[in-house]
Amino acid sequence: MSESAARPSVLRHALAAFGPVIGLAAVCALFAALRFETFATRDNFSIILQQTAVIGVAALGMTLVIVAGGIDLSVGSIIALVTVVIALLLKHGTPPLLAALGGVGVGALCGAVSGLLITRMRLLPFVVTLGMMGTLRGTAKFVANEQPVYPDETWLNGLMQLGRSGLPAGVWLMLGLAVLMALAMRYTRFGRHVFAIGSNELTARLCGVPVERVKLGVYALGAAFAGVAALLQFAYITGGDPTTAAGLELNIIAAVVIGGASLTGGRGGVTGTLVGALIMSVVANGCTKLGLSNSVQEIVTGGIIIAAVLLDHLRRGGEQKM
């Protein structure tokens, strides 16, 4: 390879590795310049991290799904359903820890159903999870009787409250899960199988990778992470709401792609995903500080999602030319 051809390759790899961090620094600098007195404060950064926790935890699970070459459009509905399940369990006298575990279990079960339909019935992940998105949202509304459910307050409600350290317990939970996920993806056989399937499923199958079993585990685990995100959402809104997290799946997917994952599978990482989630939260927070209306915030968020897909397309195009 000539020096002139190698230079764009090196630049492309550098942008893939550090692009999300550069993007985060750029949006922080922009909003700090526009509203320094309200944006660039310790309290506001604590709030940004608090707002990142729900998207960040769900995006960790989505990273697994996307790296494996799949997609899950039902995570927003899973979050809504699990908040309702937790609230109803608490109202019926279930201990808080068991209610939380029950909610996460329901989330994992929803993912397992999607995984079974995808692996056993050979259905497209987009179609299956799109159908599950509507089914689970309707189920959440049905079991909640079309209204929010507010149980008595327990220690679960404190998971998203700012503590003495300046950060809520939910943020520390997100960081702990991120470390575990990073170790699992890098050092375990399951993690290597996920990357292998996303890179080339046929080759992975020929090499003896149990593709169906791994895919089933990926969708169940990804939905379990959505269940944990729902627990944090429950703590944030102090109840179960069947209408919450509507459209949140797009922000979650965008966070993963902005963080360097490819929608075609085979590439992605925990650090990039968390940076992508932070970018989404910083943009939302900065728009609020600027006094922009919800419509403008939605336009900006939509633009970020389009930019994320375009970035992934350009990355894949550059790799195919190499």
Foldseek 3Di string as FASTA:
>chain_A
DDPVVVVVVVVLVVCLQCVLVVLLVVLLVVLCVVCVPPCVDLLNVQVLLLVLLLLLLLLLLQLLQQQLQAAAPQLLLLLQQLLQQLLVCVQVPHPNVVSLVVSLQVLLVLLLVLLCCCQVVVDHRVVSNVVNNVVSLVVSCVVNVNFWGAHDDDCLLQQSPQDPVRHGVSSVVSVVVLVVSQCCLPPHPLNVLSLVNLVPVVVSVVVPRPSSVSSSVSSSSSSSSSSSSSSSVCSVVNTRHSPPSVVVSLLSVLLFLQLNGASSHNDGGSVSSSSSSSSLSSLVSSCVSVVHDPVVSVVVSVVSSVVSNVVNVVSVVVVVVD
